[in-house]
PDB file of N, CA and C in Angstrom:
ATOM      1  N   MET A   1      72.643  88.167 -21.519  1.00  0.00           N
ATOM      2  CA  MET A   1      72.239  89.075 -22.853  1.00  0.00           C
ATOM      3  C   MET A   1      72.618  90.486 -22.567  1.00  0.00           C
ATOM      4  N   CYS A   2      73.180  91.330 -23.466  1.00  0.00           N
ATOM      5  CA  CYS A   2      73.521  92.664 -23.446  1.00  0.00           C
ATOM      6  C   CYS A   2      72.251  93.531 -23.403  1.00  0.00           C
ATOM      7  N   GLN A   3      72.127  94.366 -22.517  1.00  0.00           N
ATOM      8  CA  GLN A   3      71.110  95.303 -22.351  1.00  0.00           C
ATOM      9  C   GLN A   3      71.402  96.766 -22.891  1.00  0.00           C
ATOM     10  N   HIS A   4      72.653  96.976 -23.139  1.00  0.00           N
ATOM     11  CA  HIS A   4      73.104  98.051 -23.739  1.00  0.00           C
ATOM     12  C   HIS A   4      72.556  98.480 -25.107  1.00  0.00           C
ATOM     13  N   ARG A   5      72.578  99.933 -25.306  1.00  0.00           N
ATOM     14  CA  ARG A   5      71.905 100.273 -26.617  1.00  0.00           C
ATOM     15  C   ARG A   5      72.968 101.300 -27.152  1.00  0.00           C
ATOM     16  N   PRO A   6      73.652 101.013 -28.156  1.00  0.00           N
ATOM     17  CA  PRO A   6      73.524  99.837 -29.118  1.00  0.00           C
ATOM     18  C   PRO A   6      74.192  98.740 -28.327  1.00  0.00           C
ATOM     19  N   PRO A   7      73.728  97.460 -28.788  1.00  0.00           N
ATOM     20  CA  PRO A   7      74.349  96.278 -28.041  1.00  0.00           C
ATOM     21  C   PRO A   7      75.738  96.154 -28.283  1.00  0.00           C
ATOM     22  N   CYS A   8      76.287  95.571 -27.146  1.00  0.00           N
ATOM     23  CA  CYS A   8      77.770  95.371 -27.334  1.00  0.00           C
ATOM     24  C   CYS A   8      78.045  94.266 -28.220  1.00  0.00           C
ATOM     25  N   PRO A   9      79.313  94.142 -28.921  1.00  0.00           N
ATOM     26  CA  PRO A   9      79.588  93.112 -29.949  1.00  0.00           C
ATOM     27  C   PRO A   9      79.534  91.639 -29.305  1.00  0.00           C
ATOM     28  N   SER A  10      79.227  90.766 -29.955  1.00  0.00           N
ATOM     29  CA  SER A  10      79.158  89.347 -29.561  1.00  0.00           C
ATOM     30  C   SER A  10      80.701  89.003 -29.295  1.00  0.00           C
ATOM     31  N   ALA A  11      80.682  87.882 -28.335  1.00  0.00           N
ATOM     32  CA  ALA A  11      81.936  87.278 -28.130  1.00  0.00           C
ATOM     33  C   ALA A  11      82.509  86.559 -29.322  1.00  0.00           C
ATOM     34  N   ASN A  12      81.840  86.404 -30.397  1.00  0.00           N
ATOM     35  CA  ASN A  12      82.396  85.492 -31.345  1.00  0.00           C
ATOM     36  C   ASN A  12      82.613  86.381 -32.583  1.00  0.00           C
ATOM     37  N   THR A  13      82.836  87.772 -32.449  1.00  0.00           N
ATOM     38  CA  THR A  13      83.087  88.733 -33.534  1.00  0.00           C
ATOM     39  C   THR A  13      84.534  89.113 -33.269  1.00  0.00           C
ATOM     40  N   ALA A  14      85.041  89.762 -34.296  1.00  0.00           N
ATOM     41  CA  ALA A  14      86.488  90.217 -34.269  1.00  0.00           C
ATOM     42  C   ALA A  14      86.455  91.534 -33.408  1.00  0.00           C
ATOM     43  N   ASP A  15      85.473  92.465 -33.198  1.00  0.00           N
ATOM     44  CA  ASP A  15      85.550  93.460 -32.383  1.00  0.00           C
ATOM     45  C   ASP A  15      85.033  93.148 -30.877  1.00  0.00           C
ATOM     46  N   ARG A  16      85.120  92.008 -30.463  1.00  0.00           N
ATOM     47  CA  ARG A  16      84.444  91.719 -29.205  1.00  0.00           C
ATOM     48  C   ARG A  16      85.126  92.447 -27.939  1.00  0.00           C
ATOM     49  N   ASP A  17      86.293  92.865 -28.272  1.00  0.00           N
ATOM     50  CA  ASP A  17      87.077  93.938 -27.195  1.00  0.00           C
ATOM     51  C   ASP A  17      86.488  95.115 -27.056  1.00  0.00           C
ATOM     52  N   ALA A  18      85.538  95.572 -27.765  1.00  0.00           N
ATOM     53  CA  ALA A  18      84.860  96.874 -27.626  1.00  0.00           C
ATOM     54  C   ALA A  18      83.596  96.814 -26.773  1.00  0.00           C
ATOM     55  N   ALA A  19      83.345  95.577 -26.337  1.00  0.00           N
ATOM     56  CA  ALA A  19      82.120  95.566 -25.401  1.00  0.00           C
ATOM     57  C   ALA A  19      82.393  96.302 -24.136  1.00  0.00           C
ATOM     58  N   ARG A  20      81.358  96.805 -23.540  1.00  0.00           N
ATOM     59  CA  ARG A  20      81.605  97.426 -22.158  1.00  0.00           C
ATOM     60  C   ARG A  20      82.056  96.534 -21.105  1.00  0.00           C
ATOM     61  N   THR A  21      82.784  97.403 -20.237  1.00  0.00           N
ATOM     62  CA  THR A  21      83.460  96.551 -19.215  1.00  0.00           C
ATOM     63  C   THR A  21      82.427  96.421 -17.942  1.00  0.00           C
ATOM     64  N   LEU A  22      82.213  95.279 -17.303  1.00  0.00           N
ATOM     65  CA  LEU A  22      81.408  95.099 -16.269  1.00  0.00           C
ATOM     66  C   LEU A  22      82.079  95.014 -14.934  1.00  0.00           C
ATOM     67  N   ALA A  23      83.099  94.482 -14.999  1.00  0.00           N
ATOM     68  CA  ALA A  23      84.048  94.347 -13.786  1.00  0.00           C
ATOM     69  C   ALA A  23      85.590  94.520 -14.320  1.00  0.00           C
ATOM     70  N   HIS A  24      86.309  95.190 -13.344  1.00  0.00           N
ATOM     71  CA  HIS A  24      87.583  95.414 -13.735  1.00  0.00           C
ATOM     72  C   HIS A  24      88.583  95.224 -12.472  1.00  0.00           C
ATOM     73  N   GLN A  25      89.499  94.335 -12.635  1.00  0.00           N
ATOM     74  CA  GLN A  25      90.335  94.042 -11.371  1.00  0.00           C
ATOM     75  C   GLN A  25      91.866  94.353 -11.802  1.00  0.00           C
ATOM     76  N   PRO A  26      92.232  95.561 -11.742  1.00  0.00           N
ATOM     77  CA  PRO A  26      93.702  96.065 -12.312  1.00  0.00           C
ATOM     78  C   PRO A  26      94.737  95.374 -11.482  1.00  0.00           C
ATOM     79  N   LYS A  27      94.609  95.084 -10.120  1.00  0.00           N
ATOM     80  CA  LYS A  27      95.518  94.499  -9.419  1.00  0.00           C
ATOM     81  C   LYS A  27      95.837  92.983  -9.917  1.00  0.00           C
ATOM     82  N   GLN A  28      94.768  92.340 -10.418  1.00  0.00           N
ATOM     83  CA  GLN A  28      94.869  90.959 -10.951  1.00  0.00           C
ATOM     84  C   GLN A  28      94.964  90.983 -12.506  1.00  0.00           C
ATOM     85  N   GLY A  29      94.904  91.978 -12.966  1.00  0.00           N
ATOM     86  CA  GLY A  29      95.098  92.219 -14.577  1.00  0.00           C
ATOM     87  C   GLY A  29      94.182  91.593 -15.382  1.00  0.00           C
ATOM     88  N   TRP A  30      92.750  91.730 -15.111  1.00  0.00           N
ATOM     89  CA  TRP A  30      91.593  91.150 -15.892  1.00  0.00           C
ATOM     90  C   TRP A  30      90.422  92.162 -15.827  1.00  0.00           C
ATOM     91  N   SER A  31      89.729  91.988 -16.872  1.00  0.00           N
ATOM     92  CA  SER A  31      88.385  92.668 -16.867  1.00  0.00           C
ATOM     93  C   SER A  31      87.502  91.896 -17.723  1.00  0.00           C
ATOM     94  N   LEU A  32      86.279  91.856 -17.131  1.00  0.00           N
ATOM     95  CA  LEU A  32      85.029  91.066 -17.468  1.00  0.00           C
ATOM     96  C   LEU A  32      84.222  92.059 -18.424  1.00  0.00           C
ATOM     97  N   LEU A  33      83.990  91.609 -19.625  1.00  0.00           N
ATOM     98  CA  LEU A  33      83.269  92.371 -20.605  1.00  0.00           C
ATOM     99  C   LEU A  33      81.855  92.036 -20.620  1.00  0.00           C
ATOM    100  N   CYS A  34      80.915  92.668 -21.090  1.00  0.00           N
ATOM    101  CA  CYS A  34      79.559  92.461 -21.154  1.00  0.00           C
ATOM    102  C   CYS A  34      79.145  91.305 -22.054  1.00  0.00           C
ATOM    103  N   ASN A  35      80.090  91.000 -22.962  1.00  0.00           N
ATOM    104  CA  ASN A  35      79.734  89.836 -23.652  1.00  0.00           C
ATOM    105  C   ASN A  35      80.308  88.497 -23.083  1.00  0.00           C
ATOM    106  N   GLY A  36      80.717  88.504 -21.950  1.00  0.00           N
ATOM    107  CA  GLY A  36      81.309  87.377 -21.315  1.00  0.00           C
ATOM    108  C   GLY A  36      82.641  87.158 -21.512  1.00  0.00           C
ATOM    109  N   VAL A  37      83.318  88.051 -22.290  1.00  0.00           N
ATOM    110  CA  VAL A  37      84.727  87.785 -22.410  1.00  0.00           C
ATOM    111  C   VAL A  37      85.622  88.265 -21.221  1.00  0.00           C
ATOM    112  N   VAL A  38      86.539  87.470 -20.814  1.00  0.00           N
ATOM    113  CA  VAL A  38      87.634  87.993 -19.929  1.00  0.00           C
ATOM    114  C   VAL A  38      88.851  88.416 -20.552  1.00  0.00           C
ATOM    115  N   LEU A  39      89.207  89.783 -20.461  1.00  0.00           N
ATOM    116  CA  LEU A  39      90.192  90.293 -21.036  1.00  0.00           C
ATOM    117  C   LEU A  39      91.381  90.625 -20.110  1.00  0.00           C
ATOM    118  N   PHE A  40      92.453  90.066 -20.547  1.00  0.00           N
ATOM    119  CA  PHE A  40      93.738  90.171 -19.674  1.00  0.00           C
ATOM    120  C   PHE A  40      94.405  91.335 -20.133  1.00  0.00           C
ATOM    121  N   ASP A  41      95.294  91.943 -19.181  1.00  0.00           N
ATOM    122  CA  ASP A  41      96.112  93.079 -19.463  1.00  0.00           C
ATOM    123  C   ASP A  41      97.084  92.797 -20.537  1.00  0.00           C
ATOM    124  N   ASP A  42      97.616  91.533 -20.818  1.00  0.00           N
ATOM    125  CA  ASP A  42      98.509  91.384 -21.805  1.00  0.00           C
ATOM    126  C   ASP A  42      97.840  91.104 -23.172  1.00  0.00           C
ATOM    127  N   THR A  43      96.550  91.479 -23.246  1.00  0.00           N
ATOM    128  CA  THR A  43      95.775  91.381 -24.285  1.00  0.00           C
ATOM    129  C   THR A  43      95.203  89.919 -24.684  1.00  0.00           C
ATOM    130  N   GLY A  44      95.518  88.968 -23.963  1.00  0.00           N
ATOM    131  CA  GLY A  44      94.958  87.571 -24.112  1.00  0.00           C
ATOM    132  C   GLY A  44      93.589  87.729 -23.662  1.00  0.00           C
ATOM    133  N   GLU A  45      92.781  86.709 -24.174  1.00  0.00           N
ATOM    134  CA  GLU A  45      91.181  86.637 -23.769  1.00  0.00           C
ATOM    135  C   GLU A  45      90.968  85.278 -23.400  1.00  0.00           C
ATOM    136  N   LEU A  46      90.046  85.312 -22.699  1.00  0.00           N
ATOM    137  CA  LEU A  46      89.225  83.720 -22.377  1.00  0.00           C
ATOM    138  C   LEU A  46      87.721  84.049 -22.756  1.00  0.00           C
ATOM    139  N   LEU A  47      87.399  83.472 -23.843  1.00  0.00           N
ATOM    140  CA  LEU A  47      85.940  83.472 -24.309  1.00  0.00           C
ATOM    141  C   LEU A  47      84.996  82.549 -23.420  1.00  0.00           C
ATOM    142  N   PRO A  48      83.668  83.005 -23.565  1.00  0.00           N
ATOM    143  CA  PRO A  48      82.631  82.467 -22.641  1.00  0.00           C
ATOM    144  C   PRO A  48      82.571  80.980 -22.902  1.00  0.00           C
ATOM    145  N   ASP A  49      82.918  80.353 -24.122  1.00  0.00           N
ATOM    146  CA  ASP A  49      82.815  78.991 -24.392  1.00  0.00           C
ATOM    147  C   ASP A  49      84.169  78.234 -23.960  1.00  0.00           C
ATOM    148  N   GLY A  50      85.250  78.906 -23.389  1.00  0.00           N
ATOM    149  CA  GLY A  50      86.492  78.324 -22.815  1.00  0.00           C
ATOM    150  C   GLY A  50      87.533  78.327 -23.656  1.00  0.00           C
ATOM    151  N   ARG A  51      87.330  78.854 -25.110  1.00  0.00           N
ATOM    152  CA  ARG A  51      88.532  79.088 -25.795  1.00  0.00           C
ATOM    153  C   ARG A  51      89.416  80.161 -25.338  1.00  0.00           C
ATOM    154  N   VAL A  52      90.759  79.991 -25.674  1.00  0.00           N
ATOM    155  CA  VAL A  52      91.574  81.001 -25.265  1.00  0.00           C
ATOM    156  C   VAL A  52      92.041  81.729 -26.533  1.00  0.00           C
ATOM    157  N   VAL A  53      92.231  83.059 -26.454  1.00  0.00           N
ATOM    158  CA  VAL A  53      92.701  83.750 -27.535  1.00  0.00           C
ATOM    159  C   VAL A  53      94.240  84.458 -26.961  1.00  0.00           C
ATOM    160  N   GLU A  54      95.211  83.926 -27.593  1.00  0.00           N
ATOM    161  CA  GLU A  54      96.517  84.211 -27.317  1.00  0.00           C
ATOM    162  C   GLU A  54      96.630  85.923 -27.208  1.00  0.00           C
ATOM    163  N   PRO A  55      97.637  86.405 -26.633  1.00  0.00           N
ATOM    164  CA  PRO A  55      97.832  87.817 -26.537  1.00  0.00           C
ATOM    165  C   PRO A  55      98.307  88.370 -27.920  1.00  0.00           C
ATOM    166  N   HIS A  56      97.677  89.418 -28.163  1.00  0.00           N
ATOM    167  CA  HIS A  56      98.022  90.067 -29.471  1.00  0.00           C
ATOM    168  C   HIS A  56      98.369  91.458 -29.374  1.00  0.00           C
ATOM    169  N   ARG A  57      99.093  91.771 -28.579  1.00  0.00           N
ATOM    170  CA  ARG A  57      99.617  93.132 -28.394  1.00  0.00           C
ATOM    171  C   ARG A  57     100.495  93.344 -29.468  1.00  0.00           C
ATOM    172  N   ALA A  58     100.656  94.471 -29.940  1.00  0.00           N
ATOM    173  CA  ALA A  58     101.689  94.931 -30.938  1.00  0.00           C
ATOM    174  C   ALA A  58     102.981  95.131 -30.194  1.00  0.00           C
ATOM    175  N   THR A  59     104.091  94.439 -30.949  1.00  0.00           N
ATOM    176  CA  THR A  59     105.443  94.594 -30.099  1.00  0.00           C
ATOM    177  C   THR A  59     106.223  95.572 -31.180  1.00  0.00           C
ATOM    178  N   ARG A  60     107.015  96.162 -30.313  1.00  0.00           N
ATOM    179  CA  ARG A  60     107.851  97.122 -31.104  1.00  0.00           C
ATOM    180  C   ARG A  60     109.286  96.591 -31.013  1.00  0.00           C
ATOM    181  N   ALA A  61     109.896  96.735 -32.039  1.00  0.00           N
ATOM    182  CA  ALA A  61     111.442  96.134 -32.290  1.00  0.00           C
ATOM    183  C   ALA A  61     112.212  97.336 -31.557  1.00  0.00           C
ATOM    184  N   PRO A  62     113.413  96.917 -30.732  1.00  0.00           N
ATOM    185  CA  PRO A  62     114.256  97.891 -30.307  1.00  0.00           C
ATOM    186  C   PRO A  62     114.958  98.853 -31.250  1.00  0.00           C
ATOM    187  N   ARG A  63     115.133  99.928 -30.906  1.00  0.00           N
ATOM    188  CA  ARG A  63     115.649 101.077 -31.916  1.00  0.00           C
ATOM    189  C   ARG A  63     117.074 100.826 -32.107  1.00  0.00           C
ATOM    190  N   ALA A  64     117.627 100.990 -33.011  1.00  0.00           N
ATOM    191  CA  ALA A  64     119.030 100.844 -33.427  1.00  0.00           C
ATOM    192  C   ALA A  64     120.030 101.481 -32.599  1.00  0.00           C
ATOM    193  N   GLY A  65     121.011 100.966 -32.070  1.00  0.00           N
ATOM    194  CA  GLY A  65     121.806 101.576 -31.061  1.00  0.00           C
ATOM    195  C   GLY A  65     121.498 101.607 -29.654  1.00  0.00           C
ATOM    196  N   LEU A  66     120.348 100.981 -29.278  1.00  0.00           N
ATOM    197  CA  LEU A  66     119.857 101.020 -27.904  1.00  0.00           C
ATOM    198  C   LEU A  66     120.063  99.560 -27.356  1.00  0.00           C
ATOM    199  N   SER A  67     120.692  99.382 -26.325  1.00  0.00           N
ATOM    200  CA  SER A  67     120.849  98.197 -25.562  1.00  0.00           C
ATOM    201  C   SER A  67     119.431  97.557 -25.193  1.00  0.00           C
ATOM    202  N   THR A  68     119.225  96.128 -25.379  1.00  0.00           N
ATOM    203  CA  THR A  68     118.231  95.526 -24.915  1.00  0.00           C
ATOM    204  C   THR A  68     118.433  95.023 -23.530  1.00  0.00           C
ATOM    205  N   GLY A  69     119.566  95.130 -22.777  1.00  0.00           N
ATOM    206  CA  GLY A  69     119.986  94.574 -21.466  1.00  0.00           C
ATOM    207  C   GLY A  69     119.401  95.349 -20.466  1.00  0.00           C
ATOM    208  N   ALA A  70     120.093  95.313 -19.243  1.00  0.00           N
ATOM    209  CA  ALA A  70     119.659  96.041 -18.064  1.00  0.00           C
ATOM    210  C   ALA A  70     119.579  97.586 -18.513  1.00  0.00           C
ATOM    211  N   GLY A  71     118.799  98.321 -17.703  1.00  0.00           N
ATOM    212  CA  GLY A  71     118.666  99.781 -17.930  1.00  0.00           C
ATOM    213  C   GLY A  71     120.094 100.470 -17.262  1.00  0.00           C
ATOM    214  N   ALA A  72     120.278 101.681 -17.734  1.00  0.00           N
ATOM    215  CA  ALA A  72     121.417 102.409 -17.386  1.00  0.00           C
ATOM    216  C   ALA A  72     121.630 102.596 -16.135  1.00  0.00           C
ATOM    217  N   GLY A  73     120.529 102.652 -15.277  1.00  0.00           N
ATOM    218  CA  GLY A  73     120.682 102.768 -13.935  1.00  0.00           C
ATOM    219  C   GLY A  73     120.973 101.686 -13.146  1.00  0.00           C
ATOM    220  N   ALA A  74     120.743 100.374 -13.653  1.00  0.00           N
ATOM    221  CA  ALA A  74     121.008  99.112 -12.830  1.00  0.00           C
ATOM    222  C   ALA A  74     122.442  98.906 -12.599  1.00  0.00           C
ATOM    223  N   ARG A  75     122.763  98.421 -11.356  1.00  0.00           N
ATOM    224  CA  ARG A  75     124.123  98.260 -10.960  1.00  0.00           C
ATOM    225  C   ARG A  75     124.192  97.015 -10.290  1.00  0.00           C
TER     226      ARG A  75
END
């Protein structure tokens, strides 16, 4: 149970990502939030009840005229 004031959002709410971070493992790409949610760097989530939330990071379309292949410096 969260002891923060104001309390962190529940894992069942839409704003669950706003809970405070209890543990952060940047080399492994995840953080444990106060509400029991494991938040991954790709924005995917593992909820305390075992449900999986697919990554929901906004993606940007390539700008017109730019190549989507290897970078200019690749040889």
